[in-house]
Amino acid sequence: MRILIVEDEAAISRILERGLRAHGHQIVIADTGEDGLVLAEDETLDLVILDIALPGLNGHQVLERIRSSRPRLPVLMLTARDDIKNKVDALNAGADDYLTKPFAFEELLARIRAVTRRLDQPESSQIVAGNVRLDLLAQRAWRDDTLIELSRREFALLEYFMRHPHQVLSRPQILSAVWEYDFDPESNVVDVYVLYLRNKVDSPGQPSLIQTVRGAGYRFEPPPD
């Protein structure tokens, strides 16, 4: 994901940037509310981590303006203030979640997964990419009219790819989204499951739907209808 951090404490920004980059995310940083608003207009952003106590425009003001222009952009509020009023004000203003400093980094990752997963909830029970179709309620997949037998993990991996077509997804990103916890960096579990999927969803003699991007990860290319 591409994440904007709006935080005026440089030490905290560096910690967040280092940790999130290690999990495969792309990071943009602003240290004022005004700069954060400018960067939040970037349509490639997937999430904003927003501090409340900012110089100039505070976090509540920034959130209000983000919501007026990008109502579906997930915003996770960070603050050292732990009183109920600040939390309620942030949520009422449209924050997707709220985390009080100091916090455990694993909790931040869990909150990020939660708010982005809620955004990904489909308006229907199906996802369609070309001639591949997923029924999210029945947990079944088809290519054309052929049912594809997938394990629970294979289905989750294919769903994640189909929600992010044409996007390069790193192995840490896939691990975080599909497995929801970290494996040893030397683990090849993602590569193994991509191979499983290719064997089940690819058509013989045709390019794979899941392309390897050397040194970066994988990219899902939807098949034609």
Protein backbone atom coordinates (compact mmCIF):
# COMPACT_ATOMS: atom_id res chain seq x y z
CA MET A 1 0.00 0.00 0.00
CA ARG A 2 0.93 3.63 -0.42
CA ILE A 3 0.63 5.31 2.99
CA LEU A 4 0.80 9.01 3.92
CA ILE A 5 2.15 9.77 7.42
CA VAL A 6 1.24 13.23 8.72
CA GLU A 7 3.32 13.63 11.89
CA ASP A 8 5.35 16.57 13.18
CA GLU A 9 7.67 14.51 15.41
CA ALA A 10 10.51 13.43 13.12
CA ALA A 11 11.57 10.53 15.36
CA ILE A 12 8.10 8.99 15.23
CA SER A 13 7.87 9.50 11.47
CA ARG A 14 11.21 7.71 10.98
CA ILE A 15 10.13 4.77 13.13
CA LEU A 16 6.83 4.44 11.28
CA GLU A 17 8.48 4.79 7.90
CA ARG A 18 11.16 2.19 8.66
CA GLY A 19 8.68 -0.33 10.05
CA LEU A 20 6.08 0.08 7.32
CA ARG A 21 8.65 -0.06 4.52
CA ALA A 22 9.91 -3.33 6.01
CA HIS A 23 6.38 -4.68 5.48
CA GLY A 24 6.39 -3.71 1.82
CA HIS A 25 4.51 -0.41 1.99
CA GLN A 26 5.41 2.79 0.13
CA ILE A 27 5.61 5.80 2.44
CA VAL A 28 5.06 9.54 1.98
CA ILE A 29 5.65 11.92 4.89
CA ALA A 30 4.32 15.38 5.78
CA ASP A 31 5.18 17.25 8.98
CA THR A 32 2.39 19.85 8.85
CA GLY A 33 -1.34 19.66 8.30
CA GLU A 34 -1.12 21.92 5.27
CA ASP A 35 1.45 19.69 3.56
CA GLY A 36 -0.59 16.63 4.51
CA LEU A 37 -3.66 18.02 2.78
CA VAL A 38 -1.73 18.62 -0.43
CA LEU A 39 -0.29 15.10 -0.43
CA ALA A 40 -3.68 13.55 0.46
CA GLU A 41 -4.98 14.62 -2.95
CA ASP A 42 -2.77 11.95 -4.53
CA GLU A 43 -5.23 9.37 -5.87
CA THR A 44 -2.65 6.58 -5.48
CA LEU A 45 -2.76 6.85 -1.67
CA ASP A 46 -4.36 3.91 0.13
CA LEU A 47 -4.23 5.14 3.74
CA VAL A 48 -3.42 8.20 5.88
CA ILE A 49 -1.86 7.95 9.36
CA LEU A 50 -2.70 11.32 10.88
CA ASP A 51 -1.50 12.86 14.14
CA ILE A 52 -3.94 15.17 15.93
CA ALA A 53 -1.44 17.62 17.49
CA LEU A 54 0.00 19.24 14.37
CA PRO A 55 1.40 22.75 13.83
CA GLY A 56 -0.94 24.98 11.86
CA LEU A 57 -3.97 22.94 10.89
CA ASN A 58 -4.54 20.27 13.53
CA GLY A 59 -5.49 16.69 12.79
CA HIS A 60 -9.23 17.26 13.23
CA GLN A 61 -9.16 20.08 10.67
CA VAL A 62 -7.09 18.04 8.25
CA LEU A 63 -9.45 15.09 8.60
CA GLU A 64 -12.49 17.27 7.94
CA ARG A 65 -10.98 18.56 4.69
CA ILE A 66 -9.84 15.09 3.58
CA ARG A 67 -13.36 13.78 4.15
CA SER A 68 -14.84 16.56 2.01
CA SER A 69 -12.64 15.65 -0.97
CA ARG A 70 -11.91 11.93 -0.48
CA PRO A 71 -14.62 10.42 1.72
CA ARG A 72 -13.50 6.80 1.24
CA LEU A 73 -9.78 7.29 1.95
CA PRO A 74 -9.00 5.37 5.18
CA VAL A 75 -7.64 7.60 7.96
CA LEU A 76 -6.05 6.25 11.14
CA MET A 77 -5.58 8.88 13.85
CA LEU A 78 -2.51 8.92 16.12
CA THR A 79 -2.25 11.00 19.26
CA ALA A 80 -0.72 11.11 22.70
CA ARG A 81 -4.08 12.22 24.04
CA ASP A 82 -5.95 9.31 25.60
CA ASP A 83 -9.05 11.08 26.88
CA ILE A 84 -12.45 9.95 25.67
CA LYS A 85 -13.42 13.31 24.17
CA ASN A 86 -10.54 13.34 21.68
CA LYS A 87 -11.28 9.78 20.66
CA VAL A 88 -14.99 10.45 20.20
CA ASP A 89 -14.31 13.69 18.31
CA ALA A 90 -11.93 11.92 15.92
CA LEU A 91 -14.36 9.09 15.20
CA ASN A 92 -17.31 11.46 14.83
CA ALA A 93 -15.28 13.54 12.37
CA GLY A 94 -14.85 10.49 10.16
CA ALA A 95 -11.68 8.76 11.34
CA ASP A 96 -11.70 5.04 10.56
CA ASP A 97 -9.77 4.19 13.73
CA TYR A 98 -7.77 5.75 16.54
CA LEU A 99 -4.50 4.72 18.20
CA THR A 100 -2.99 6.34 21.30
CA LYS A 101 0.79 6.85 21.54
CA PRO A 102 2.81 4.99 22.65
CA PHE A 103 1.61 1.85 20.87
CA ALA A 104 2.98 -1.52 19.83
CA PHE A 105 3.90 -1.65 16.14
CA GLU A 106 2.06 -4.97 15.74
CA GLU A 107 -1.12 -3.25 16.93
CA LEU A 108 -0.64 -0.54 14.30
CA LEU A 109 -0.30 -3.20 11.60
CA ALA A 110 -3.46 -4.91 12.83
CA ARG A 111 -5.39 -1.61 12.78
CA ILE A 112 -4.15 -0.90 9.24
CA ARG A 113 -5.32 -4.31 8.07
CA ALA A 114 -8.69 -3.79 9.72
CA VAL A 115 -9.46 -0.37 8.22
CA THR A 116 -8.32 -1.33 4.71
CA ARG A 117 -10.23 -4.61 4.87
CA ARG A 118 -13.43 -2.71 5.72
CA LEU A 119 -12.86 -0.46 2.70
CA ASP A 120 -12.40 -3.53 0.50
CA GLN A 121 -15.79 -4.99 1.42
CA PRO A 122 -17.60 -5.42 -1.88
CA GLU A 123 -21.01 -3.99 -2.67
CA SER A 124 -21.97 -7.43 -3.95
CA SER A 125 -20.94 -10.94 -3.01
CA GLN A 126 -18.85 -11.43 -6.15
CA ILE A 127 -15.60 -10.21 -7.67
CA VAL A 128 -15.10 -10.53 -11.41
CA ALA A 129 -11.88 -10.06 -13.37
CA GLY A 130 -12.20 -10.99 -17.03
CA ASN A 131 -13.46 -14.56 -17.13
CA VAL A 132 -12.48 -15.30 -13.52
CA ARG A 133 -15.26 -14.99 -10.95
CA LEU A 134 -15.24 -15.34 -7.16
CA ASP A 135 -18.30 -15.95 -5.03
CA LEU A 136 -17.28 -14.52 -1.66
CA LEU A 137 -20.16 -16.03 0.28
CA ALA A 138 -19.80 -19.54 -1.08
CA GLN A 139 -15.98 -19.27 -1.25
CA ARG A 140 -15.97 -20.66 -4.78
CA ALA A 141 -14.09 -19.65 -7.91
CA TRP A 142 -14.74 -20.14 -11.62
CA ARG A 143 -12.86 -19.52 -14.83
CA ASP A 144 -15.46 -19.27 -17.57
CA ASP A 145 -17.97 -21.91 -16.41
CA THR A 146 -15.38 -24.25 -14.90
CA LEU A 147 -15.36 -24.52 -11.11
CA ILE A 148 -11.86 -24.20 -9.62
CA GLU A 149 -11.28 -26.16 -6.42
CA LEU A 150 -9.29 -23.93 -4.05
CA SER A 151 -8.22 -24.27 -0.45
CA ARG A 152 -9.20 -21.49 1.96
CA ARG A 153 -5.74 -19.92 1.72
CA GLU A 154 -5.61 -20.22 -2.06
CA PHE A 155 -9.01 -18.53 -2.29
CA ALA A 156 -7.85 -15.68 -0.01
CA LEU A 157 -4.72 -15.19 -2.10
CA LEU A 158 -6.64 -15.12 -5.37
CA GLU A 159 -9.14 -12.68 -3.85
CA TYR A 160 -6.30 -10.37 -2.80
CA PHE A 161 -4.78 -10.45 -6.29
CA MET A 162 -8.16 -9.78 -7.92
CA ARG A 163 -8.78 -6.79 -5.64
CA HIS A 164 -5.47 -5.27 -6.80
CA PRO A 165 -5.23 -5.88 -10.57
CA HIS A 166 -2.15 -4.60 -12.45
CA GLN A 167 -0.52 -3.64 -9.12
CA VAL A 168 2.89 -4.97 -8.08
CA LEU A 169 2.44 -6.68 -4.71
CA SER A 170 5.52 -7.51 -2.66
CA ARG A 171 5.85 -10.73 -0.70
CA PRO A 172 5.66 -8.87 2.67
CA GLN A 173 2.47 -7.13 1.49
CA ILE A 174 0.91 -10.45 0.52
CA LEU A 175 1.93 -12.08 3.78
CA SER A 176 0.47 -9.23 5.81
CA ALA A 177 -2.82 -9.20 3.89
CA VAL A 178 -3.46 -12.91 3.38
CA TRP A 179 -1.74 -14.58 6.30
CA GLU A 180 -2.06 -11.58 8.67
CA TYR A 181 1.21 -12.34 10.41
CA ASP A 182 4.85 -12.35 9.48
CA PHE A 183 6.89 -15.30 8.33
CA ASP A 184 10.65 -15.67 8.46
CA PRO A 185 12.08 -13.54 5.61
CA GLU A 186 13.58 -16.70 4.17
CA SER A 187 10.17 -18.39 3.93
CA ASN A 188 8.94 -19.22 0.43
CA VAL A 189 5.29 -19.71 1.43
CA VAL A 190 4.05 -16.98 -0.95
CA ASP A 191 5.93 -18.47 -3.89
CA VAL A 192 4.56 -21.92 -3.08
CA TYR A 193 0.96 -20.71 -2.98
CA VAL A 194 1.38 -18.66 -6.15
CA LEU A 195 2.53 -21.87 -7.84
CA TYR A 196 -0.54 -23.68 -6.50
CA LEU A 197 -2.79 -20.95 -7.90
CA ARG A 198 -1.11 -20.90 -11.28
CA ASN A 199 -1.60 -24.63 -11.61
CA LYS A 200 -5.32 -24.21 -10.94
CA VAL A 201 -6.38 -20.95 -12.64
CA ASP A 202 -4.05 -20.60 -15.64
CA SER A 203 -5.10 -21.86 -19.05
CA PRO A 204 -2.68 -24.26 -20.78
CA GLY A 205 -0.49 -22.54 -23.33
CA GLN A 206 -1.52 -19.06 -22.18
CA PRO A 207 0.47 -16.51 -20.12
CA SER A 208 -0.01 -16.84 -16.38
CA LEU A 209 -2.54 -14.54 -14.75
CA ILE A 210 -0.04 -14.00 -11.93
CA GLN A 211 3.10 -12.44 -13.35
CA THR A 212 6.44 -12.51 -11.52
CA VAL A 213 8.05 -9.07 -11.23
CA ARG A 214 11.70 -9.85 -10.63
CA GLY A 215 13.01 -8.39 -7.39
CA ALA A 216 9.63 -6.86 -6.50
CA GLY A 217 6.90 -9.49 -6.16
CA TYR A 218 3.86 -10.41 -8.25
CA ARG A 219 1.26 -8.69 -10.43
CA PHE A 220 -2.20 -9.99 -11.31
CA GLU A 221 -3.19 -9.43 -14.95
CA PRO A 222 -6.90 -10.13 -15.49
CA PRO A 223 -7.69 -12.44 -18.38
CA PRO A 224 -9.96 -11.35 -21.25
CA ASP A 225 -13.69 -11.98 -20.94
